[in-house]
Amino acid sequence: MSRPLVCSGLFVAWAVHNVEEALSASRWSAATVPRLLAQGWPPALVESLGTTTPRFAVAATVLGIAVLAATVRGVLTAGHSTFSRTAVLVFGWHGLIDIGQSLLVRGYVQGLVTATVLVIPYSILTSATYAPPPSPLAPSPSWRSQPSP
C-alpha cells in the first residue's frame, strides 16, 4: 500500500469515527447519564460526559482542522513527519480509550464500533507501514564513501 494513501487515510478514518460519535452523542448521553447517576457515580463526573450532537459536531470540526493538517503533512513527507506520526499515535490511543470507557460504563460509548474495527487497526497498520525516519545523528552515505586519510 502506498504511503500517501496510508497517510491520507488518517483524515478519512477520523471522519468516519467522528460521524459515529456525532450521530450517537445525544442518544448516548440521554440514556447513559441517568443510568450512571442512578448507579451512584459522582454527579460532577457523569454530567461532564453528557453532550449533544450539535455540541459534539462543533468540537469535532475544530479538532478536524488539526487532523487535516497532520494528514497533509504526512502525505507531503511520505509519513516522516513527527506531527503526522504523533497524530496517528494519539488517534490509536483515542480508540483504546473508547474501549476502556466502554468497559468502565459496562456498555456502548460513542465511537466504540469504529474504534474497534477502524481506529485501532488503522493506527497499527500505519505505524507498521511507516519506515523509521532518517536519524539526524547517523552518518550520511557520502561520509562513508570518502577514503580515510
N, C-alpha and C. Protein backbone atom coordinates (compact mmCIF):
# COMPACT_ATOMS: atom_id res chain seq x y z
N MET A 1 0.85 -1.18 0.00
CA MET A 1 0.00 0.00 0.00
C MET A 1 0.89 1.24 0.00
N SER A 2 0.55 2.23 -0.82
CA SER A 2 1.41 3.41 -0.93
C SER A 2 1.32 4.29 0.31
N ARG A 3 2.43 4.92 0.63
CA ARG A 3 2.47 5.78 1.81
C ARG A 3 1.50 6.95 1.72
N PRO A 4 1.41 7.66 0.56
CA PRO A 4 0.43 8.76 0.52
C PRO A 4 -0.99 8.29 0.80
N LEU A 5 -1.33 7.09 0.32
CA LEU A 5 -2.67 6.56 0.57
C LEU A 5 -2.85 6.25 2.06
N VAL A 6 -1.85 5.63 2.67
CA VAL A 6 -1.91 5.32 4.09
C VAL A 6 -1.98 6.61 4.91
N CYS A 7 -1.17 7.60 4.53
CA CYS A 7 -1.16 8.87 5.27
C CYS A 7 -2.48 9.62 5.12
N SER A 8 -3.05 9.62 3.93
CA SER A 8 -4.32 10.31 3.73
C SER A 8 -5.46 9.60 4.42
N GLY A 9 -5.27 8.34 4.75
CA GLY A 9 -6.29 7.59 5.46
C GLY A 9 -6.57 8.12 6.85
N LEU A 10 -5.65 8.87 7.44
CA LEU A 10 -5.86 9.42 8.78
C LEU A 10 -7.12 10.27 8.81
N PHE A 11 -7.24 11.19 7.88
CA PHE A 11 -8.41 12.08 7.90
C PHE A 11 -9.69 11.29 7.60
N VAL A 12 -9.62 10.36 6.67
CA VAL A 12 -10.80 9.56 6.32
C VAL A 12 -11.24 8.73 7.53
N ALA A 13 -10.30 8.04 8.17
CA ALA A 13 -10.64 7.21 9.34
C ALA A 13 -11.18 8.07 10.47
N TRP A 14 -10.54 9.22 10.70
CA TRP A 14 -11.01 10.13 11.75
C TRP A 14 -12.43 10.60 11.44
N ALA A 15 -12.71 10.96 10.19
CA ALA A 15 -14.04 11.45 9.83
C ALA A 15 -15.11 10.38 10.04
N VAL A 16 -14.83 9.16 9.62
CA VAL A 16 -15.79 8.06 9.80
C VAL A 16 -16.04 7.84 11.29
N HIS A 17 -14.98 7.81 12.07
CA HIS A 17 -15.10 7.61 13.52
C HIS A 17 -15.93 8.73 14.15
N ASN A 18 -15.68 9.96 13.74
CA ASN A 18 -16.40 11.08 14.32
C ASN A 18 -17.86 11.15 13.87
N VAL A 19 -18.17 10.63 12.72
CA VAL A 19 -19.57 10.54 12.31
C VAL A 19 -20.32 9.62 13.27
N GLU A 20 -19.72 8.47 13.59
CA GLU A 20 -20.36 7.57 14.56
C GLU A 20 -20.54 8.28 15.91
N GLU A 21 -19.50 8.95 16.36
CA GLU A 21 -19.58 9.64 17.66
C GLU A 21 -20.64 10.74 17.64
N ALA A 22 -20.68 11.52 16.58
CA ALA A 22 -21.64 12.63 16.50
C ALA A 22 -23.08 12.11 16.42
N LEU A 23 -23.30 11.10 15.62
CA LEU A 23 -24.65 10.58 15.46
C LEU A 23 -25.20 9.94 16.74
N SER A 24 -24.31 9.44 17.57
CA SER A 24 -24.78 8.78 18.79
C SER A 24 -24.69 9.66 20.03
N ALA A 25 -24.19 10.88 19.92
CA ALA A 25 -23.93 11.72 21.09
C ALA A 25 -25.18 12.01 21.92
N SER A 26 -26.20 12.56 21.31
CA SER A 26 -27.41 12.92 22.07
C SER A 26 -28.10 11.69 22.65
N ARG A 27 -28.25 10.66 21.83
CA ARG A 27 -28.93 9.44 22.29
C ARG A 27 -28.14 8.77 23.41
N TRP A 28 -26.82 8.69 23.23
CA TRP A 28 -25.98 8.05 24.25
C TRP A 28 -26.05 8.83 25.56
N SER A 29 -25.94 10.14 25.49
CA SER A 29 -25.98 10.96 26.70
C SER A 29 -27.32 10.82 27.42
N ALA A 30 -28.43 10.85 26.67
CA ALA A 30 -29.77 10.74 27.27
C ALA A 30 -29.97 9.40 27.96
N ALA A 31 -29.39 8.35 27.44
CA ALA A 31 -29.56 7.02 28.03
C ALA A 31 -28.55 6.73 29.14
N THR A 32 -27.32 7.19 28.97
CA THR A 32 -26.24 6.77 29.87
C THR A 32 -26.11 7.65 31.11
N VAL A 33 -26.26 8.96 30.96
CA VAL A 33 -26.08 9.85 32.11
C VAL A 33 -27.05 9.49 33.25
N PRO A 34 -28.36 9.35 32.99
CA PRO A 34 -29.25 8.97 34.10
C PRO A 34 -28.91 7.60 34.70
N ARG A 35 -28.50 6.66 33.85
CA ARG A 35 -28.15 5.32 34.35
C ARG A 35 -26.96 5.39 35.29
N LEU A 36 -25.92 6.12 34.91
CA LEU A 36 -24.73 6.23 35.76
C LEU A 36 -25.03 6.98 37.05
N LEU A 37 -25.86 8.01 36.98
CA LEU A 37 -26.26 8.73 38.20
C LEU A 37 -27.02 7.80 39.14
N ALA A 38 -27.91 6.98 38.59
CA ALA A 38 -28.68 6.03 39.40
C ALA A 38 -27.77 4.97 40.03
N GLN A 39 -26.65 4.69 39.38
CA GLN A 39 -25.71 3.70 39.92
C GLN A 39 -24.79 4.31 40.97
N GLY A 40 -24.91 5.62 41.22
CA GLY A 40 -24.12 6.26 42.26
C GLY A 40 -22.80 6.87 41.81
N TRP A 41 -22.62 7.03 40.51
CA TRP A 41 -21.41 7.68 40.03
C TRP A 41 -21.43 9.14 40.47
N PRO A 42 -20.27 9.76 40.67
CA PRO A 42 -20.24 11.17 41.09
C PRO A 42 -20.92 12.07 40.06
N PRO A 43 -21.90 12.89 40.50
CA PRO A 43 -22.64 13.73 39.55
C PRO A 43 -21.75 14.65 38.70
N ALA A 44 -20.72 15.24 39.28
CA ALA A 44 -19.87 16.14 38.51
C ALA A 44 -19.19 15.40 37.36
N LEU A 45 -18.77 14.17 37.60
CA LEU A 45 -18.13 13.38 36.56
C LEU A 45 -19.14 12.98 35.49
N VAL A 46 -20.27 12.48 35.91
CA VAL A 46 -21.27 11.98 34.97
C VAL A 46 -21.84 13.10 34.12
N GLU A 47 -22.15 14.23 34.73
CA GLU A 47 -22.72 15.34 33.97
C GLU A 47 -21.74 15.90 32.95
N SER A 48 -20.45 15.76 33.22
CA SER A 48 -19.45 16.23 32.24
C SER A 48 -19.38 15.32 31.02
N LEU A 49 -19.89 14.11 31.12
CA LEU A 49 -19.90 13.18 30.00
C LEU A 49 -21.00 13.49 28.99
N GLY A 50 -22.07 14.08 29.46
CA GLY A 50 -23.21 14.34 28.59
C GLY A 50 -22.91 15.40 27.55
N THR A 51 -23.43 15.18 26.36
CA THR A 51 -23.26 16.15 25.27
C THR A 51 -24.43 16.01 24.31
N THR A 52 -24.46 16.88 23.35
CA THR A 52 -25.47 16.79 22.31
C THR A 52 -24.76 16.64 20.97
N THR A 53 -25.50 16.20 19.98
CA THR A 53 -24.91 16.04 18.66
C THR A 53 -24.39 17.38 18.11
N PRO A 54 -25.13 18.49 18.22
CA PRO A 54 -24.59 19.76 17.72
C PRO A 54 -23.31 20.20 18.46
N ARG A 55 -23.29 20.06 19.77
CA ARG A 55 -22.10 20.46 20.54
C ARG A 55 -20.90 19.59 20.14
N PHE A 56 -21.14 18.29 20.00
CA PHE A 56 -20.06 17.40 19.59
C PHE A 56 -19.58 17.74 18.19
N ALA A 57 -20.49 18.07 17.29
CA ALA A 57 -20.11 18.41 15.91
C ALA A 57 -19.21 19.63 15.87
N VAL A 58 -19.47 20.62 16.72
CA VAL A 58 -18.60 21.81 16.76
C VAL A 58 -17.21 21.42 17.24
N ALA A 59 -17.13 20.64 18.30
CA ALA A 59 -15.83 20.21 18.83
C ALA A 59 -15.07 19.38 17.80
N ALA A 60 -15.78 18.49 17.11
CA ALA A 60 -15.14 17.64 16.10
C ALA A 60 -14.63 18.48 14.93
N THR A 61 -15.36 19.51 14.56
CA THR A 61 -14.92 20.37 13.46
C THR A 61 -13.63 21.09 13.81
N VAL A 62 -13.55 21.59 15.03
CA VAL A 62 -12.33 22.27 15.47
C VAL A 62 -11.15 21.29 15.47
N LEU A 63 -11.35 20.11 16.02
CA LEU A 63 -10.29 19.10 16.02
C LEU A 63 -9.94 18.66 14.61
N GLY A 64 -10.94 18.64 13.74
CA GLY A 64 -10.73 18.23 12.35
C GLY A 64 -9.70 19.06 11.63
N ILE A 65 -9.57 20.33 12.01
CA ILE A 65 -8.56 21.19 11.39
C ILE A 65 -7.16 20.66 11.69
N ALA A 66 -6.93 20.27 12.93
CA ALA A 66 -5.62 19.71 13.31
C ALA A 66 -5.38 18.36 12.64
N VAL A 67 -6.42 17.53 12.57
CA VAL A 67 -6.28 16.22 11.92
C VAL A 67 -5.99 16.39 10.43
N LEU A 68 -6.67 17.33 9.80
CA LEU A 68 -6.41 17.59 8.38
C LEU A 68 -4.98 18.09 8.17
N ALA A 69 -4.51 18.97 9.05
CA ALA A 69 -3.12 19.46 8.94
C ALA A 69 -2.12 18.32 9.10
N ALA A 70 -2.38 17.42 10.05
CA ALA A 70 -1.48 16.27 10.25
C ALA A 70 -1.51 15.34 9.04
N THR A 71 -2.68 15.18 8.45
CA THR A 71 -2.82 14.33 7.27
C THR A 71 -2.04 14.91 6.10
N VAL A 72 -2.21 16.19 5.86
CA VAL A 72 -1.49 16.85 4.75
C VAL A 72 0.01 16.75 4.98
N ARG A 73 0.44 17.00 6.20
CA ARG A 73 1.88 16.92 6.50
C ARG A 73 2.39 15.49 6.29
N GLY A 74 1.61 14.51 6.66
CA GLY A 74 2.01 13.12 6.46
C GLY A 74 2.13 12.76 4.99
N VAL A 75 1.19 13.24 4.18
CA VAL A 75 1.25 12.98 2.73
C VAL A 75 2.46 13.66 2.12
N LEU A 76 2.71 14.91 2.50
CA LEU A 76 3.82 15.67 1.91
C LEU A 76 5.19 15.12 2.30
N THR A 77 5.28 14.47 3.45
CA THR A 77 6.57 13.94 3.91
C THR A 77 6.65 12.42 3.80
N ALA A 78 5.68 11.82 3.13
CA ALA A 78 5.63 10.36 2.98
C ALA A 78 5.67 9.67 4.34
N GLY A 79 5.03 10.28 5.33
CA GLY A 79 4.96 9.68 6.65
C GLY A 79 6.13 9.94 7.56
N HIS A 80 7.06 10.78 7.15
CA HIS A 80 8.22 11.05 8.00
C HIS A 80 8.00 12.22 8.95
N SER A 81 6.84 12.84 8.92
CA SER A 81 6.54 13.97 9.79
C SER A 81 6.26 13.50 11.21
N THR A 82 6.95 14.08 12.16
CA THR A 82 6.69 13.77 13.57
C THR A 82 5.27 14.16 13.94
N PHE A 83 4.81 15.28 13.41
CA PHE A 83 3.44 15.75 13.67
C PHE A 83 2.43 14.71 13.19
N SER A 84 2.61 14.20 12.00
CA SER A 84 1.69 13.21 11.44
C SER A 84 1.75 11.90 12.22
N ARG A 85 2.94 11.45 12.53
CA ARG A 85 3.10 10.21 13.29
C ARG A 85 2.47 10.32 14.67
N THR A 86 2.64 11.48 15.29
CA THR A 86 2.06 11.70 16.62
C THR A 86 0.54 11.69 16.53
N ALA A 87 -0.01 12.30 15.48
CA ALA A 87 -1.46 12.31 15.31
C ALA A 87 -2.00 10.88 15.16
N VAL A 88 -1.30 10.05 14.42
CA VAL A 88 -1.73 8.65 14.26
C VAL A 88 -1.65 7.92 15.60
N LEU A 89 -0.60 8.16 16.35
CA LEU A 89 -0.44 7.52 17.66
C LEU A 89 -1.57 7.96 18.61
N VAL A 90 -1.85 9.25 18.66
CA VAL A 90 -2.91 9.76 19.53
C VAL A 90 -4.27 9.22 19.09
N PHE A 91 -4.47 9.11 17.78
CA PHE A 91 -5.72 8.55 17.26
C PHE A 91 -5.90 7.11 17.74
N GLY A 92 -4.84 6.33 17.70
CA GLY A 92 -4.89 4.95 18.20
C GLY A 92 -5.18 4.91 19.70
N TRP A 93 -4.54 5.80 20.45
CA TRP A 93 -4.81 5.86 21.90
C TRP A 93 -6.27 6.22 22.14
N HIS A 94 -6.80 7.12 21.32
CA HIS A 94 -8.21 7.50 21.46
C HIS A 94 -9.11 6.28 21.30
N GLY A 95 -8.79 5.43 20.34
CA GLY A 95 -9.56 4.20 20.15
C GLY A 95 -9.49 3.31 21.38
N LEU A 96 -8.30 3.19 21.97
CA LEU A 96 -8.16 2.39 23.19
C LEU A 96 -8.95 3.00 24.35
N ILE A 97 -8.97 4.31 24.42
CA ILE A 97 -9.74 5.00 25.47
C ILE A 97 -11.23 4.72 25.29
N ASP A 98 -11.71 4.75 24.04
CA ASP A 98 -13.12 4.43 23.79
C ASP A 98 -13.45 3.03 24.31
N ILE A 99 -12.58 2.07 24.06
CA ILE A 99 -12.81 0.70 24.53
C ILE A 99 -12.77 0.66 26.06
N GLY A 100 -11.79 1.35 26.65
CA GLY A 100 -11.70 1.40 28.12
C GLY A 100 -12.93 2.03 28.75
N GLN A 101 -13.44 3.09 28.15
CA GLN A 101 -14.65 3.73 28.68
C GLN A 101 -15.83 2.78 28.59
N SER A 102 -15.91 2.03 27.51
CA SER A 102 -16.99 1.07 27.35
C SER A 102 -16.95 0.02 28.45
N LEU A 103 -15.77 -0.45 28.77
CA LEU A 103 -15.63 -1.43 29.85
C LEU A 103 -16.00 -0.81 31.20
N LEU A 104 -15.61 0.44 31.39
CA LEU A 104 -15.87 1.13 32.65
C LEU A 104 -17.37 1.37 32.87
N VAL A 105 -18.07 1.81 31.84
CA VAL A 105 -19.51 2.08 32.00
C VAL A 105 -20.37 0.84 31.69
N ARG A 106 -19.71 -0.23 31.29
CA ARG A 106 -20.38 -1.50 31.01
C ARG A 106 -21.47 -1.36 29.94
N GLY A 107 -21.06 -0.76 28.83
CA GLY A 107 -21.99 -0.60 27.73
C GLY A 107 -21.36 0.15 26.58
N TYR A 108 -22.18 0.45 25.61
CA TYR A 108 -21.72 1.17 24.42
C TYR A 108 -21.33 2.59 24.80
N VAL A 109 -20.25 3.09 24.21
CA VAL A 109 -19.89 4.51 24.28
C VAL A 109 -19.75 5.01 22.85
N GLN A 110 -19.88 6.31 22.70
CA GLN A 110 -19.76 6.91 21.37
C GLN A 110 -18.45 6.50 20.71
N GLY A 111 -18.52 5.98 19.51
CA GLY A 111 -17.33 5.63 18.76
C GLY A 111 -16.79 4.23 19.00
N LEU A 112 -17.46 3.43 19.81
CA LEU A 112 -16.93 2.11 20.15
C LEU A 112 -16.80 1.21 18.92
N VAL A 113 -17.78 1.23 18.04
CA VAL A 113 -17.76 0.34 16.88
C VAL A 113 -16.58 0.68 15.98
N THR A 114 -16.44 1.94 15.61
CA THR A 114 -15.34 2.30 14.70
C THR A 114 -13.99 2.28 15.41
N ALA A 115 -13.98 2.43 16.74
CA ALA A 115 -12.71 2.32 17.47
C ALA A 115 -12.13 0.92 17.30
N THR A 116 -13.01 -0.09 17.36
CA THR A 116 -12.53 -1.47 17.29
C THR A 116 -12.25 -1.94 15.87
N VAL A 117 -13.04 -1.49 14.89
CA VAL A 117 -12.86 -2.00 13.53
C VAL A 117 -12.10 -1.06 12.60
N LEU A 118 -11.86 0.18 13.03
CA LEU A 118 -11.21 1.14 12.15
C LEU A 118 -10.05 1.87 12.81
N VAL A 119 -10.29 2.52 13.93
CA VAL A 119 -9.28 3.38 14.56
C VAL A 119 -8.03 2.60 14.95
N ILE A 120 -8.20 1.58 15.74
CA ILE A 120 -7.03 0.81 16.21
C ILE A 120 -6.35 0.06 15.08
N PRO A 121 -7.09 -0.66 14.22
CA PRO A 121 -6.41 -1.31 13.10
C PRO A 121 -5.68 -0.32 12.18
N TYR A 122 -6.29 0.83 11.89
CA TYR A 122 -5.62 1.83 11.05
C TYR A 122 -4.33 2.31 11.71
N SER A 123 -4.39 2.59 13.00
CA SER A 123 -3.19 3.09 13.69
C SER A 123 -2.07 2.05 13.68
N ILE A 124 -2.43 0.80 13.86
CA ILE A 124 -1.42 -0.27 13.83
C ILE A 124 -0.84 -0.42 12.43
N LEU A 125 -1.71 -0.46 11.43
CA LEU A 125 -1.26 -0.58 10.04
C LEU A 125 -0.35 0.57 9.64
N THR A 126 -0.75 1.76 10.00
CA THR A 126 0.03 2.94 9.63
C THR A 126 1.39 2.94 10.32
N SER A 127 1.41 2.61 11.59
CA SER A 127 2.68 2.56 12.31
C SER A 127 3.61 1.52 11.72
N ALA A 128 3.06 0.40 11.26
CA ALA A 128 3.87 -0.65 10.66
C ALA A 128 4.34 -0.26 9.26
N THR A 129 3.56 0.58 8.57
CA THR A 129 3.89 0.97 7.20
C THR A 129 4.98 2.03 7.15
N TYR A 130 4.96 2.92 8.12
CA TYR A 130 5.96 3.99 8.14
C TYR A 130 7.35 3.40 8.34
N ALA A 131 8.29 3.82 7.52
CA ALA A 131 9.69 3.43 7.75
C ALA A 131 10.23 4.36 8.83
N PRO A 132 11.23 3.89 9.56
CA PRO A 132 11.80 4.79 10.56
C PRO A 132 12.36 6.04 9.86
N PRO A 133 12.18 7.21 10.47
CA PRO A 133 12.71 8.42 9.85
C PRO A 133 14.23 8.40 9.88
N PRO A 134 14.87 9.09 8.96
CA PRO A 134 16.32 9.13 8.99
C PRO A 134 16.79 9.82 10.27
N SER A 135 17.78 9.25 10.89
CA SER A 135 18.31 9.83 12.12
C SER A 135 19.24 10.99 11.80
N PRO A 136 19.06 12.12 12.48
CA PRO A 136 19.95 13.25 12.23
C PRO A 136 21.37 12.98 12.71
N LEU A 137 21.54 11.95 13.55
CA LEU A 137 22.86 11.64 14.09
C LEU A 137 23.60 10.59 13.25
N ALA A 138 22.89 9.92 12.37
CA ALA A 138 23.53 8.88 11.56
C ALA A 138 24.41 9.52 10.49
N PRO A 139 25.55 8.93 10.23
CA PRO A 139 26.41 9.48 9.18
C PRO A 139 25.74 9.35 7.81
N SER A 140 25.94 10.32 6.99
CA SER A 140 25.34 10.28 5.65
C SER A 140 26.10 9.29 4.78
N PRO A 141 25.47 8.75 3.74
CA PRO A 141 26.15 7.80 2.86
C PRO A 141 27.42 8.41 2.24
N SER A 142 27.41 9.70 1.95
CA SER A 142 28.59 10.33 1.34
C SER A 142 29.77 10.33 2.31
N TRP A 143 29.51 10.40 3.60
CA TRP A 143 30.57 10.39 4.59
C TRP A 143 31.27 9.04 4.59
N ARG A 144 30.49 7.97 4.45
CA ARG A 144 31.06 6.62 4.46
C ARG A 144 31.90 6.34 3.21
N SER A 145 31.56 6.98 2.12
CA SER A 145 32.24 6.65 0.86
C SER A 145 33.57 7.41 0.71
N GLN A 146 33.85 8.34 1.59
CA GLN A 146 35.10 9.08 1.45
C GLN A 146 36.26 8.23 1.98
N PRO A 147 37.37 8.25 1.26
CA PRO A 147 38.52 7.47 1.75
C PRO A 147 39.08 8.07 3.03
N SER A 148 39.58 7.20 3.86
CA SER A 148 40.17 7.69 5.11
C SER A 148 41.58 8.22 4.82
N PRO A 149 42.03 9.21 5.59
CA PRO A 149 43.36 9.81 5.35
C PRO A 149 44.51 8.92 5.70
